[in-house]
Every structure is written in C-alpha cells, then in structure tokens.
Amino acid sequence: MTDDIQIRASKARSLLADDNFRTLMQELRQRQTEIFFNSAPSDTELREEAYSMMSALNKIEAHLESAITDEKILKKRK
C-alpha cells in the first residue's frame, strides 16, 4: 500500500509539473470560460455544459493533488 501511494504521488507530481499537461488544462479552461462569457442569454444548456467541464477539470486537478497529499500524510506518520 505504501508503494502504491508513493507511485501515485510521483505520477501526479510529474503530471502537474508537465508543461504540456498544464498548457492543455489552461486551454481547456480558457475555452470553457469563453463559452460561458460569450453565450447568449438563452444558451443555458451551453453554459451548464461549460460549468460542468470546468468542474470536471477542477476535480481532475484535485484528485492529483490528493495523491500528493496522501503521500505527505504517509511520510508524517512514519
């Protein structure tokens, strides 16, 4: 179990530090922001989709951060 946590944390750290990943996440966020701000008042469904996508992107990053936090907690317990 300890090895699994460390491997997940290592992979998460690598991904969060990867310029390509960060650029991709930034581009995806920017697209959703543009959709949200440039939609017509009647485009409720489009804005809800953009909001859902932003929430999903946040959850992905939170999941990666959680893996790193799990490793920190594991190290403090040792």
PDB file of N, CA and C in Angstrom:
ATOM      1  N   MET A   1       0.825  -1.196   0.000  1.00  0.00           N
ATOM      2  CA  MET A   1       0.000   0.000   0.000  1.00  0.00           C
ATOM      3  C   MET A   1       0.865   1.254   0.000  1.00  0.00           C
ATOM      4  N   THR A   2       1.924   1.253   0.783  1.00  0.00           N
ATOM      5  CA  THR A   2       2.837   2.390   0.834  1.00  0.00           C
ATOM      6  C   THR A   2       3.422   2.679  -0.541  1.00  0.00           C
ATOM      7  N   ASP A   3       3.829   1.617  -1.222  1.00  0.00           N
ATOM      8  CA  ASP A   3       4.396   1.792  -2.560  1.00  0.00           C
ATOM      9  C   ASP A   3       3.376   2.367  -3.530  1.00  0.00           C
ATOM     10  N   ASP A   4       2.125   1.908  -3.437  1.00  0.00           N
ATOM     11  CA  ASP A   4       1.063   2.423  -4.305  1.00  0.00           C
ATOM     12  C   ASP A   4       0.878   3.926  -4.118  1.00  0.00           C
ATOM     13  N   ILE A   5       0.865   4.360  -2.871  1.00  0.00           N
ATOM     14  CA  ILE A   5       0.680   5.782  -2.568  1.00  0.00           C
ATOM     15  C   ILE A   5       1.844   6.592  -3.125  1.00  0.00           C
ATOM     16  N   GLN A   6       3.045   6.078  -2.952  1.00  0.00           N
ATOM     17  CA  GLN A   6       4.224   6.795  -3.441  1.00  0.00           C
ATOM     18  C   GLN A   6       4.266   6.836  -4.965  1.00  0.00           C
ATOM     19  N   ILE A   7       3.878   5.768  -5.600  1.00  0.00           N
ATOM     20  CA  ILE A   7       3.849   5.724  -7.068  1.00  0.00           C
ATOM     21  C   ILE A   7       2.795   6.693  -7.594  1.00  0.00           C
ATOM     22  N   ARG A   8       1.607   6.662  -6.993  1.00  0.00           N
ATOM     23  CA  ARG A   8       0.553   7.591  -7.422  1.00  0.00           C
ATOM     24  C   ARG A   8       0.977   9.034  -7.229  1.00  0.00           C
ATOM     25  N   ALA A   9       1.612   9.322  -6.109  1.00  0.00           N
ATOM     26  CA  ALA A   9       2.059  10.696  -5.835  1.00  0.00           C
ATOM     27  C   ALA A   9       3.129  11.127  -6.832  1.00  0.00           C
ATOM     28  N   SER A  10       4.028  10.230  -7.127  1.00  0.00           N
ATOM     29  CA  SER A  10       5.082  10.534  -8.093  1.00  0.00           C
ATOM     30  C   SER A  10       4.509  10.829  -9.476  1.00  0.00           C
ATOM     31  N   LYS A  11       3.567  10.005  -9.889  1.00  0.00           N
ATOM     32  CA  LYS A  11       2.922  10.218 -11.191  1.00  0.00           C
ATOM     33  C   LYS A  11       2.132  11.521 -11.198  1.00  0.00           C
ATOM     34  N   ALA A  12       1.434  11.798 -10.111  1.00  0.00           N
ATOM     35  CA  ALA A  12       0.644  13.031 -10.019  1.00  0.00           C
ATOM     36  C   ALA A  12       1.554  14.251 -10.070  1.00  0.00           C
ATOM     37  N   ARG A  13       2.656  14.213  -9.330  1.00  0.00           N
ATOM     38  CA  ARG A  13       3.619  15.319  -9.336  1.00  0.00           C
ATOM     39  C   ARG A  13       4.176  15.547 -10.731  1.00  0.00           C
ATOM     40  N   SER A  14       4.526  14.456 -11.397  1.00  0.00           N
ATOM     41  CA  SER A  14       5.059  14.558 -12.764  1.00  0.00           C
ATOM     42  C   SER A  14       4.051  15.186 -13.709  1.00  0.00           C
ATOM     43  N   LEU A  15       2.817  14.747 -13.592  1.00  0.00           N
ATOM     44  CA  LEU A  15       1.770  15.268 -14.467  1.00  0.00           C
ATOM     45  C   LEU A  15       1.519  16.754 -14.200  1.00  0.00           C
ATOM     46  N   LEU A  16       1.422  17.131 -12.933  1.00  0.00           N
ATOM     47  CA  LEU A  16       1.175  18.531 -12.593  1.00  0.00           C
ATOM     48  C   LEU A  16       2.344  19.435 -12.967  1.00  0.00           C
ATOM     49  N   ALA A  17       3.526  18.876 -13.053  1.00  0.00           N
ATOM     50  CA  ALA A  17       4.705  19.666 -13.433  1.00  0.00           C
ATOM     51  C   ALA A  17       4.935  19.679 -14.941  1.00  0.00           C
ATOM     52  N   ASP A  18       4.245  18.812 -15.656  1.00  0.00           N
ATOM     53  CA  ASP A  18       4.440  18.700 -17.101  1.00  0.00           C
ATOM     54  C   ASP A  18       3.858  19.924 -17.822  1.00  0.00           C
ATOM     55  N   ASP A  19       4.689  20.585 -18.604  1.00  0.00           N
ATOM     56  CA  ASP A  19       4.250  21.785 -19.323  1.00  0.00           C
ATOM     57  C   ASP A  19       3.114  21.491 -20.295  1.00  0.00           C
ATOM     58  N   ASN A  20       3.172  20.352 -20.965  1.00  0.00           N
ATOM     59  CA  ASN A  20       2.117  20.000 -21.914  1.00  0.00           C
ATOM     60  C   ASN A  20       0.774  19.821 -21.202  1.00  0.00           C
ATOM     61  N   PHE A  21       0.791  19.155 -20.068  1.00  0.00           N
ATOM     62  CA  PHE A  21      -0.435  18.948 -19.301  1.00  0.00           C
ATOM     63  C   PHE A  21      -0.987  20.279 -18.816  1.00  0.00           C
ATOM     64  N   ARG A  22      -0.110  21.111 -18.259  1.00  0.00           N
ATOM     65  CA  ARG A  22      -0.548  22.409 -17.752  1.00  0.00           C
ATOM     66  C   ARG A  22      -1.117  23.282 -18.863  1.00  0.00           C
ATOM     67  N   THR A  23      -0.466  23.261 -20.023  1.00  0.00           N
ATOM     68  CA  THR A  23      -0.951  24.030 -21.161  1.00  0.00           C
ATOM     69  C   THR A  23      -2.317  23.522 -21.609  1.00  0.00           C
ATOM     70  N   LEU A  24      -2.457  22.214 -21.697  1.00  0.00           N
ATOM     71  CA  LEU A  24      -3.733  21.620 -22.096  1.00  0.00           C
ATOM     72  C   LEU A  24      -4.851  22.005 -21.130  1.00  0.00           C
ATOM     73  N   MET A  25      -4.596  21.904 -19.848  1.00  0.00           N
ATOM     74  CA  MET A  25      -5.602  22.256 -18.847  1.00  0.00           C
ATOM     75  C   MET A  25      -5.967  23.738 -18.965  1.00  0.00           C
ATOM     76  N   GLN A  26      -4.972  24.574 -19.174  1.00  0.00           N
ATOM     77  CA  GLN A  26      -5.214  26.005 -19.316  1.00  0.00           C
ATOM     78  C   GLN A  26      -6.055  26.295 -20.567  1.00  0.00           C
ATOM     79  N   GLU A  27      -5.736  25.635 -21.670  1.00  0.00           N
ATOM     80  CA  GLU A  27      -6.501  25.821 -22.908  1.00  0.00           C
ATOM     81  C   GLU A  27      -7.951  25.368 -22.736  1.00  0.00           C
ATOM     82  N   LEU A  28      -8.128  24.227 -22.086  1.00  0.00           N
ATOM     83  CA  LEU A  28      -9.491  23.726 -21.853  1.00  0.00           C
ATOM     84  C   LEU A  28     -10.293  24.694 -20.981  1.00  0.00           C
ATOM     85  N   ARG A  29      -9.654  25.209 -19.943  1.00  0.00           N
ATOM     86  CA  ARG A  29     -10.326  26.181 -19.070  1.00  0.00           C
ATOM     87  C   ARG A  29     -10.678  27.449 -19.842  1.00  0.00           C
ATOM     88  N   GLN A  30      -9.731  27.896 -20.652  1.00  0.00           N
ATOM     89  CA  GLN A  30      -9.965  29.117 -21.429  1.00  0.00           C
ATOM     90  C   GLN A  30     -11.148  28.944 -22.388  1.00  0.00           C
ATOM     91  N   ARG A  31     -11.205  27.804 -23.057  1.00  0.00           N
ATOM     92  CA  ARG A  31     -12.321  27.540 -23.974  1.00  0.00           C
ATOM     93  C   ARG A  31     -13.658  27.561 -23.250  1.00  0.00           C
ATOM     94  N   GLN A  32     -13.696  26.941 -22.083  1.00  0.00           N
ATOM     95  CA  GLN A  32     -14.945  26.888 -21.334  1.00  0.00           C
ATOM     96  C   GLN A  32     -15.334  28.278 -20.823  1.00  0.00           C
ATOM     97  N   THR A  33     -14.338  29.053 -20.425  1.00  0.00           N
ATOM     98  CA  THR A  33     -14.597  30.421 -19.982  1.00  0.00           C
ATOM     99  C   THR A  33     -15.163  31.249 -21.124  1.00  0.00           C
ATOM    100  N   GLU A  34     -14.581  31.092 -22.305  1.00  0.00           N
ATOM    101  CA  GLU A  34     -15.077  31.824 -23.475  1.00  0.00           C
ATOM    102  C   GLU A  34     -16.510  31.427 -23.814  1.00  0.00           C
ATOM    103  N   ILE A  35     -16.784  30.134 -23.746  1.00  0.00           N
ATOM    104  CA  ILE A  35     -18.148  29.668 -23.997  1.00  0.00           C
ATOM    105  C   ILE A  35     -19.104  30.301 -22.990  1.00  0.00           C
ATOM    106  N   PHE A  36     -18.705  30.292 -21.743  1.00  0.00           N
ATOM    107  CA  PHE A  36     -19.554  30.826 -20.677  1.00  0.00           C
ATOM    108  C   PHE A  36     -19.840  32.309 -20.890  1.00  0.00           C
ATOM    109  N   PHE A  37     -18.798  33.095 -21.151  1.00  0.00           N
ATOM    110  CA  PHE A  37     -18.962  34.548 -21.268  1.00  0.00           C
ATOM    111  C   PHE A  37     -19.515  35.007 -22.611  1.00  0.00           C
ATOM    112  N   ASN A  38     -19.329  34.216 -23.639  1.00  0.00           N
ATOM    113  CA  ASN A  38     -19.784  34.624 -24.962  1.00  0.00           C
ATOM    114  C   ASN A  38     -21.108  33.993 -25.384  1.00  0.00           C
ATOM    115  N   SER A  39     -21.732  33.262 -24.496  1.00  0.00           N
ATOM    116  CA  SER A  39     -23.005  32.627 -24.847  1.00  0.00           C
ATOM    117  C   SER A  39     -24.146  33.629 -24.745  1.00  0.00           C
ATOM    118  N   ALA A  40     -25.152  33.383 -25.519  1.00  0.00           N
ATOM    119  CA  ALA A  40     -26.348  34.221 -25.483  1.00  0.00           C
ATOM    120  C   ALA A  40     -27.130  33.939 -24.193  1.00  0.00           C
ATOM    121  N   PRO A  41     -27.894  34.906 -23.737  1.00  0.00           N
ATOM    122  CA  PRO A  41     -28.677  34.684 -22.511  1.00  0.00           C
ATOM    123  C   PRO A  41     -29.550  33.432 -22.561  1.00  0.00           C
ATOM    124  N   SER A  42     -29.983  33.064 -23.743  1.00  0.00           N
ATOM    125  CA  SER A  42     -30.854  31.893 -23.869  1.00  0.00           C
ATOM    126  C   SER A  42     -30.090  30.569 -23.930  1.00  0.00           C
ATOM    127  N   ASP A  43     -28.766  30.626 -23.981  1.00  0.00           N
ATOM    128  CA  ASP A  43     -27.936  29.410 -24.094  1.00  0.00           C
ATOM    129  C   ASP A  43     -27.628  28.789 -22.731  1.00  0.00           C
ATOM    130  N   THR A  44     -28.647  28.560 -21.970  1.00  0.00           N
ATOM    131  CA  THR A  44     -28.476  27.997 -20.623  1.00  0.00           C
ATOM    132  C   THR A  44     -27.770  26.645 -20.666  1.00  0.00           C
ATOM    133  N   GLU A  45     -28.178  25.796 -21.576  1.00  0.00           N
ATOM    134  CA  GLU A  45     -27.598  24.459 -21.671  1.00  0.00           C
ATOM    135  C   GLU A  45     -26.102  24.531 -21.993  1.00  0.00           C
ATOM    136  N   LEU A  46     -25.720  25.444 -22.863  1.00  0.00           N
ATOM    137  CA  LEU A  46     -24.318  25.619 -23.233  1.00  0.00           C
ATOM    138  C   LEU A  46     -23.489  26.068 -22.028  1.00  0.00           C
ATOM    139  N   ARG A  47     -24.020  26.998 -21.248  1.00  0.00           N
ATOM    140  CA  ARG A  47     -23.317  27.460 -20.042  1.00  0.00           C
ATOM    141  C   ARG A  47     -23.229  26.349 -19.003  1.00  0.00           C
ATOM    142  N   GLU A  48     -24.284  25.558 -18.878  1.00  0.00           N
ATOM    143  CA  GLU A  48     -24.251  24.447 -17.926  1.00  0.00           C
ATOM    144  C   GLU A  48     -23.196  23.422 -18.323  1.00  0.00           C
ATOM    145  N   GLU A  49     -23.057  23.177 -19.618  1.00  0.00           N
ATOM    146  CA  GLU A  49     -22.013  22.274 -20.112  1.00  0.00           C
ATOM    147  C   GLU A  49     -20.628  22.817 -19.794  1.00  0.00           C
ATOM    148  N   ALA A  50     -20.437  24.113 -20.025  1.00  0.00           N
ATOM    149  CA  ALA A  50     -19.146  24.749 -19.738  1.00  0.00           C
ATOM    150  C   ALA A  50     -18.843  24.659 -18.247  1.00  0.00           C
ATOM    151  N   TYR A  51     -19.854  24.900 -17.426  1.00  0.00           N
ATOM    152  CA  TYR A  51     -19.677  24.803 -15.981  1.00  0.00           C
ATOM    153  C   TYR A  51     -19.309  23.370 -15.578  1.00  0.00           C
ATOM    154  N   SER A  52     -19.980  22.411 -16.158  1.00  0.00           N
ATOM    155  CA  SER A  52     -19.689  21.002 -15.859  1.00  0.00           C
ATOM    156  C   SER A  52     -18.259  20.640 -16.252  1.00  0.00           C
ATOM    157  N   MET A  53     -17.829  21.135 -17.393  1.00  0.00           N
ATOM    158  CA  MET A  53     -16.464  20.866 -17.841  1.00  0.00           C
ATOM    159  C   MET A  53     -15.454  21.496 -16.888  1.00  0.00           C
ATOM    160  N   MET A  54     -15.703  22.722 -16.460  1.00  0.00           N
ATOM    161  CA  MET A  54     -14.798  23.378 -15.508  1.00  0.00           C
ATOM    162  C   MET A  54     -14.757  22.597 -14.190  1.00  0.00           C
ATOM    163  N   SER A  55     -15.906  22.129 -13.757  1.00  0.00           N
ATOM    164  CA  SER A  55     -15.954  21.331 -12.529  1.00  0.00           C
ATOM    165  C   SER A  55     -15.157  20.044 -12.690  1.00  0.00           C
ATOM    166  N   ALA A  56     -15.267  19.411 -13.835  1.00  0.00           N
ATOM    167  CA  ALA A  56     -14.514  18.180 -14.096  1.00  0.00           C
ATOM    168  C   ALA A  56     -13.010  18.459 -14.096  1.00  0.00           C
ATOM    169  N   LEU A  57     -12.594  19.548 -14.711  1.00  0.00           N
ATOM    170  CA  LEU A  57     -11.172  19.900 -14.730  1.00  0.00           C
ATOM    171  C   LEU A  57     -10.665  20.147 -13.309  1.00  0.00           C
ATOM    172  N   ASN A  58     -11.466  20.829 -12.510  1.00  0.00           N
ATOM    173  CA  ASN A  58     -11.097  21.066 -11.111  1.00  0.00           C
ATOM    174  C   ASN A  58     -10.979  19.759 -10.337  1.00  0.00           C
ATOM    175  N   LYS A  59     -11.885  18.832 -10.601  1.00  0.00           N
ATOM    176  CA  LYS A  59     -11.856  17.543  -9.909  1.00  0.00           C
ATOM    177  C   LYS A  59     -10.623  16.724 -10.310  1.00  0.00           C
ATOM    178  N   ILE A  60     -10.236  16.816 -11.562  1.00  0.00           N
ATOM    179  CA  ILE A  60      -9.033  16.112 -12.018  1.00  0.00           C
ATOM    180  C   ILE A  60      -7.819  16.638 -11.272  1.00  0.00           C
ATOM    181  N   GLU A  61      -7.673  17.953 -11.216  1.00  0.00           N
ATOM    182  CA  GLU A  61      -6.534  18.533 -10.511  1.00  0.00           C
ATOM    183  C   GLU A  61      -6.589  18.234  -9.017  1.00  0.00           C
ATOM    184  N   ALA A  62      -7.765  18.281  -8.443  1.00  0.00           N
ATOM    185  CA  ALA A  62      -7.912  17.968  -7.015  1.00  0.00           C
ATOM    186  C   ALA A  62      -7.528  16.518  -6.733  1.00  0.00           C
ATOM    187  N   HIS A  63      -7.877  15.624  -7.633  1.00  0.00           N
ATOM    188  CA  HIS A  63      -7.525  14.213  -7.471  1.00  0.00           C
ATOM    189  C   HIS A  63      -5.998  14.041  -7.493  1.00  0.00           C
ATOM    190  N   LEU A  64      -5.346  14.728  -8.398  1.00  0.00           N
ATOM    191  CA  LEU A  64      -3.885  14.656  -8.470  1.00  0.00           C
ATOM    192  C   LEU A  64      -3.248  15.242  -7.212  1.00  0.00           C
ATOM    193  N   GLU A  65      -3.760  16.371  -6.760  1.00  0.00           N
ATOM    194  CA  GLU A  65      -3.249  16.991  -5.531  1.00  0.00           C
ATOM    195  C   GLU A  65      -3.486  16.077  -4.323  1.00  0.00           C
ATOM    196  N   SER A  66      -4.602  15.381  -4.339  1.00  0.00           N
ATOM    197  CA  SER A  66      -4.921  14.467  -3.247  1.00  0.00           C
ATOM    198  C   SER A  66      -3.905  13.334  -3.154  1.00  0.00           C
ATOM    199  N   ALA A  67      -3.467  12.848  -4.294  1.00  0.00           N
ATOM    200  CA  ALA A  67      -2.456  11.783  -4.295  1.00  0.00           C
ATOM    201  C   ALA A  67      -1.169  12.274  -3.647  1.00  0.00           C
ATOM    202  N   ILE A  68      -0.806  13.512  -3.908  1.00  0.00           N
ATOM    203  CA  ILE A  68       0.404  14.096  -3.325  1.00  0.00           C
ATOM    204  C   ILE A  68       0.212  14.294  -1.824  1.00  0.00           C
ATOM    205  N   THR A  69      -0.957  14.741  -1.433  1.00  0.00           N
ATOM    206  CA  THR A  69      -1.259  14.935  -0.015  1.00  0.00           C
ATOM    207  C   THR A  69      -1.243  13.600   0.729  1.00  0.00           C
ATOM    208  N   ASP A  70      -1.763  12.562   0.114  1.00  0.00           N
ATOM    209  CA  ASP A  70      -1.740  11.225   0.736  1.00  0.00           C
ATOM    210  C   ASP A  70      -0.311  10.804   1.047  1.00  0.00           C
ATOM    211  N   GLU A  71       0.594  11.078   0.134  1.00  0.00           N
ATOM    212  CA  GLU A  71       1.993  10.717   0.362  1.00  0.00           C
ATOM    213  C   GLU A  71       2.578  11.535   1.517  1.00  0.00           C
ATOM    214  N   LYS A  72       2.256  12.813   1.583  1.00  0.00           N
ATOM    215  CA  LYS A  72       2.754  13.662   2.670  1.00  0.00           C
ATOM    216  C   LYS A  72       2.262  13.151   4.018  1.00  0.00           C
ATOM    217  N   ILE A  73       1.007  12.759   4.071  1.00  0.00           N
ATOM    218  CA  ILE A  73       0.454  12.223   5.310  1.00  0.00           C
ATOM    219  C   ILE A  73       1.151  10.921   5.685  1.00  0.00           C
ATOM    220  N   LEU A  74       1.381  10.079   4.702  1.00  0.00           N
ATOM    221  CA  LEU A  74       2.072   8.809   4.928  1.00  0.00           C
ATOM    222  C   LEU A  74       3.469   9.057   5.502  1.00  0.00           C
ATOM    223  N   LYS A  75       4.190  10.009   4.957  1.00  0.00           N
ATOM    224  CA  LYS A  75       5.547  10.321   5.428  1.00  0.00           C
ATOM    225  C   LYS A  75       5.544  10.856   6.846  1.00  0.00           C
ATOM    226  N   LYS A  76       4.531  11.654   7.188  1.00  0.00           N
ATOM    227  CA  LYS A  76       4.454  12.210   8.552  1.00  0.00           C
ATOM    228  C   LYS A  76       4.134  11.130   9.576  1.00  0.00           C
ATOM    229  N   ARG A  77       3.404  10.107   9.132  1.00  0.00           N
ATOM    230  CA  ARG A  77       3.040   9.033  10.064  1.00  0.00           C
ATOM    231  C   ARG A  77       4.220   8.112  10.354  1.00  0.00           C
ATOM    232  N   LYS A  78       5.187   8.101   9.481  1.00  0.00           N
ATOM    233  CA  LYS A  78       6.339   7.196   9.665  1.00  0.00           C
ATOM    234  C   LYS A  78       7.311   7.714  10.673  1.00  0.00           C
TER     235      LYS A  78
END
